[in-house]
PDB file of N, CA and C in Angstrom:
ATOM      1  N   MET A   1     -19.534 -26.262  -2.811  1.00  0.00           N
ATOM      2  CA  MET A   1     -18.439 -26.267  -1.835  1.00  0.00           C
ATOM      3  C   MET A   1     -17.111 -25.922  -2.514  1.00  0.00           C
ATOM      4  N   TYR A   2     -16.902 -26.534  -3.670  1.00  0.00           N
ATOM      5  CA  TYR A   2     -15.641 -26.284  -4.402  1.00  0.00           C
ATOM      6  C   TYR A   2     -15.547 -24.826  -4.852  1.00  0.00           C
ATOM      7  N   THR A   3     -16.655 -24.290  -5.388  1.00  0.00           N
ATOM      8  CA  THR A   3     -16.651 -22.897  -5.843  1.00  0.00           C
ATOM      9  C   THR A   3     -16.537 -21.945  -4.656  1.00  0.00           C
ATOM     10  N   GLU A   4     -17.066 -22.344  -3.506  1.00  0.00           N
ATOM     11  CA  GLU A   4     -16.944 -21.526  -2.298  1.00  0.00           C
ATOM     12  C   GLU A   4     -15.481 -21.361  -1.922  1.00  0.00           C
ATOM     13  N   LYS A   5     -14.732 -22.465  -1.967  1.00  0.00           N
ATOM     14  CA  LYS A   5     -13.310 -22.412  -1.633  1.00  0.00           C
ATOM     15  C   LYS A   5     -12.556 -21.512  -2.596  1.00  0.00           C
ATOM     16  N   ILE A   6     -12.892 -21.615  -3.884  1.00  0.00           N
ATOM     17  CA  ILE A   6     -12.225 -20.797  -4.897  1.00  0.00           C
ATOM     18  C   ILE A   6     -12.507 -19.310  -4.664  1.00  0.00           C
ATOM     19  N   SER A   7     -13.779 -18.982  -4.392  1.00  0.00           N
ATOM     20  CA  SER A   7     -14.137 -17.583  -4.162  1.00  0.00           C
ATOM     21  C   SER A   7     -13.453 -17.050  -2.908  1.00  0.00           C
ATOM     22  N   ILE A   8     -13.336 -17.880  -1.872  1.00  0.00           N
ATOM     23  CA  ILE A   8     -12.638 -17.472  -0.644  1.00  0.00           C
ATOM     24  C   ILE A   8     -11.162 -17.208  -0.948  1.00  0.00           C
ATOM     25  N   LEU A   9     -10.567 -18.077  -1.748  1.00  0.00           N
ATOM     26  CA  LEU A   9      -9.172 -17.902  -2.140  1.00  0.00           C
ATOM     27  C   LEU A   9      -8.977 -16.605  -2.915  1.00  0.00           C
ATOM     28  N   ILE A  10      -9.865 -16.351  -3.875  1.00  0.00           N
ATOM     29  CA  ILE A  10      -9.785 -15.129  -4.687  1.00  0.00           C
ATOM     30  C   ILE A  10      -9.933 -13.898  -3.799  1.00  0.00           C
ATOM     31  N   LEU A  11     -10.907 -13.935  -2.891  1.00  0.00           N
ATOM     32  CA  LEU A  11     -11.143 -12.803  -2.004  1.00  0.00           C
ATOM     33  C   LEU A  11      -9.947 -12.536  -1.100  1.00  0.00           C
ATOM     34  N   SER A  12      -9.371 -13.609  -0.550  1.00  0.00           N
ATOM     35  CA  SER A  12      -8.233 -13.431   0.357  1.00  0.00           C
ATOM     36  C   SER A  12      -7.010 -12.922  -0.386  1.00  0.00           C
ATOM     37  N   SER A  13      -6.799 -13.412  -1.622  1.00  0.00           N
ATOM     38  CA  SER A  13      -5.656 -12.938  -2.400  1.00  0.00           C
ATOM     39  C   SER A  13      -5.848 -11.478  -2.793  1.00  0.00           C
ATOM     40  N   LEU A  14      -7.082 -11.104  -3.134  1.00  0.00           N
ATOM     41  CA  LEU A  14      -7.376  -9.707  -3.450  1.00  0.00           C
ATOM     42  C   LEU A  14      -7.129  -8.836  -2.223  1.00  0.00           C
ATOM     43  N   HIS A  15      -7.524  -9.327  -1.055  1.00  0.00           N
ATOM     44  CA  HIS A  15      -7.326  -8.607   0.190  1.00  0.00           C
ATOM     45  C   HIS A  15      -5.834  -8.388   0.451  1.00  0.00           C
ATOM     46  N   THR A  16      -5.034  -9.457   0.246  1.00  0.00           N
ATOM     47  CA  THR A  16      -3.586  -9.366   0.441  1.00  0.00           C
ATOM     48  C   THR A  16      -2.969  -8.374  -0.530  1.00  0.00           C
ATOM     49  N   ILE A  17      -3.370  -8.462  -1.797  1.00  0.00           N
ATOM     50  CA  ILE A  17      -2.851  -7.539  -2.814  1.00  0.00           C
ATOM     51  C   ILE A  17      -3.208  -6.104  -2.438  1.00  0.00           C
ATOM     52  N   GLY A  18      -4.440  -5.911  -1.969  1.00  0.00           N
ATOM     53  CA  GLY A  18      -4.876  -4.583  -1.552  1.00  0.00           C
ATOM     54  C   GLY A  18      -4.037  -4.057  -0.397  1.00  0.00           C
ATOM     55  N   ASN A  19      -3.738  -4.917   0.569  1.00  0.00           N
ATOM     56  CA  ASN A  19      -2.916  -4.517   1.714  1.00  0.00           C
ATOM     57  C   ASN A  19      -1.507  -4.131   1.275  1.00  0.00           C
ATOM     58  N   ILE A  20      -0.920  -4.949   0.376  1.00  0.00           N
ATOM     59  CA  ILE A  20       0.424  -4.662  -0.126  1.00  0.00           C
ATOM     60  C   ILE A  20       0.429  -3.334  -0.873  1.00  0.00           C
ATOM     61  N   TYR A  21      -0.601  -3.131  -1.711  1.00  0.00           N
ATOM     62  CA  TYR A  21      -0.720  -1.897  -2.481  1.00  0.00           C
ATOM     63  C   TYR A  21      -0.827  -0.694  -1.556  1.00  0.00           C
ATOM     64  N   MET A  22      -1.638  -0.822  -0.497  1.00  0.00           N
ATOM     65  CA  MET A  22      -1.790   0.264   0.460  1.00  0.00           C
ATOM     66  C   MET A  22      -0.480   0.552   1.185  1.00  0.00           C
ATOM     67  N   ASP A  23       0.261  -0.508   1.546  1.00  0.00           N
ATOM     68  CA  ASP A  23       1.555  -0.337   2.196  1.00  0.00           C
ATOM     69  C   ASP A  23       2.511   0.423   1.289  1.00  0.00           C
ATOM     70  N   ILE A  24       2.571   0.029   0.020  1.00  0.00           N
ATOM     71  CA  ILE A  24       3.455   0.689  -0.942  1.00  0.00           C
ATOM     72  C   ILE A  24       3.044   2.150  -1.102  1.00  0.00           C
ATOM     73  N   LEU A  25       1.731   2.381  -1.198  1.00  0.00           N
ATOM     74  CA  LEU A  25       1.208   3.734  -1.347  1.00  0.00           C
ATOM     75  C   LEU A  25       1.583   4.591  -0.142  1.00  0.00           C
ATOM     76  N   LEU A  26       1.405   4.041   1.073  1.00  0.00           N
ATOM     77  CA  LEU A  26       1.735   4.771   2.293  1.00  0.00           C
ATOM     78  C   LEU A  26       3.219   5.080   2.355  1.00  0.00           C
ATOM     79  N   LEU A  27       4.060   4.096   2.010  1.00  0.00           N
ATOM     80  CA  LEU A  27       5.498   4.297   2.008  1.00  0.00           C
ATOM     81  C   LEU A  27       5.879   5.391   1.026  1.00  0.00           C
ATOM     82  N   ASP A  28       5.267   5.372  -0.161  1.00  0.00           N
ATOM     83  CA  ASP A  28       5.537   6.357  -1.193  1.00  0.00           C
ATOM     84  C   ASP A  28       5.165   7.752  -0.720  1.00  0.00           C
ATOM     85  N   VAL A  29       3.971   7.881  -0.130  1.00  0.00           N
ATOM     86  CA  VAL A  29       3.494   9.170   0.372  1.00  0.00           C
ATOM     87  C   VAL A  29       4.412   9.680   1.482  1.00  0.00           C
ATOM     88  N   THR A  30       4.775   8.787   2.405  1.00  0.00           N
ATOM     89  CA  THR A  30       5.657   9.162   3.505  1.00  0.00           C
ATOM     90  C   THR A  30       7.008   9.609   2.979  1.00  0.00           C
ATOM     91  N   HIS A  31       7.537   8.870   2.019  1.00  0.00           N
ATOM     92  CA  HIS A  31       8.838   9.195   1.428  1.00  0.00           C
ATOM     93  C   HIS A  31       8.793  10.558   0.745  1.00  0.00           C
ATOM     94  N   ASN A  32       7.735  10.795  -0.021  1.00  0.00           N
ATOM     95  CA  ASN A  32       7.600  12.063  -0.733  1.00  0.00           C
ATOM     96  C   ASN A  32       7.455  13.237   0.222  1.00  0.00           C
ATOM     97  N   SER A  33       6.652  13.074   1.280  1.00  0.00           N
ATOM     98  CA  SER A  33       6.461  14.162   2.232  1.00  0.00           C
ATOM     99  C   SER A  33       7.755  14.429   3.003  1.00  0.00           C
ATOM    100  N   LEU A  34       8.496  13.363   3.310  1.00  0.00           N
ATOM    101  CA  LEU A  34       9.780  13.537   3.992  1.00  0.00           C
ATOM    102  C   LEU A  34      10.757  14.283   3.104  1.00  0.00           C
ATOM    103  N   ARG A  35      10.767  13.939   1.808  1.00  0.00           N
ATOM    104  CA  ARG A  35      11.671  14.598   0.873  1.00  0.00           C
ATOM    105  C   ARG A  35      11.301  16.069   0.753  1.00  0.00           C
ATOM    106  N   THR A  36       9.986  16.354   0.677  1.00  0.00           N
ATOM    107  CA  THR A  36       9.524  17.738   0.602  1.00  0.00           C
ATOM    108  C   THR A  36       9.934  18.497   1.865  1.00  0.00           C
ATOM    109  N   PHE A  37       9.747  17.870   3.008  1.00  0.00           N
ATOM    110  CA  PHE A  37      10.103  18.485   4.284  1.00  0.00           C
ATOM    111  C   PHE A  37      11.599  18.772   4.339  1.00  0.00           C
ATOM    112  N   ASN A  38      12.409  17.818   3.860  1.00  0.00           N
ATOM    113  CA  ASN A  38      13.855  17.994   3.853  1.00  0.00           C
ATOM    114  C   ASN A  38      14.278  19.147   2.954  1.00  0.00           C
ATOM    115  N   SER A  39      13.640  19.273   1.800  1.00  0.00           N
ATOM    116  CA  SER A  39      13.998  20.360   0.892  1.00  0.00           C
ATOM    117  C   SER A  39      13.601  21.711   1.490  1.00  0.00           C
ATOM    118  N   PHE A  40      12.464  21.726   2.194  1.00  0.00           N
ATOM    119  CA  PHE A  40      12.052  22.959   2.862  1.00  0.00           C
ATOM    120  C   PHE A  40      13.027  23.319   3.988  1.00  0.00           C
ATOM    121  N   ALA A  41      13.441  22.298   4.744  1.00  0.00           N
ATOM    122  CA  ALA A  41      14.393  22.516   5.826  1.00  0.00           C
ATOM    123  C   ALA A  41      15.714  23.020   5.256  1.00  0.00           C
ATOM    124  N   PHE A  42      16.078  22.489   4.093  1.00  0.00           N
ATOM    125  CA  PHE A  42      17.313  22.913   3.434  1.00  0.00           C
ATOM    126  C   PHE A  42      17.211  24.377   3.007  1.00  0.00           C
ATOM    127  N   LEU A  43      16.020  24.783   2.557  1.00  0.00           N
ATOM    128  CA  LEU A  43      15.802  26.169   2.126  1.00  0.00           C
ATOM    129  C   LEU A  43      15.897  27.119   3.311  1.00  0.00           C
ATOM    130  N   TRP A  44      15.390  26.674   4.463  1.00  0.00           N
ATOM    131  CA  TRP A  44      15.461  27.525   5.645  1.00  0.00           C
ATOM    132  C   TRP A  44      16.888  27.589   6.153  1.00  0.00           C
TER     133      TRP A  44
END
């Protein structure tokens, strides 16, 4: 029972870290594509 709780905690924290990482990754990708789009718009 005790080890079950620990494994659940580890899994949930890993899940949270994964979600945060994905959010940061998405923000980074969006920011980069927006910057690229802006530079292209500037060129036009």
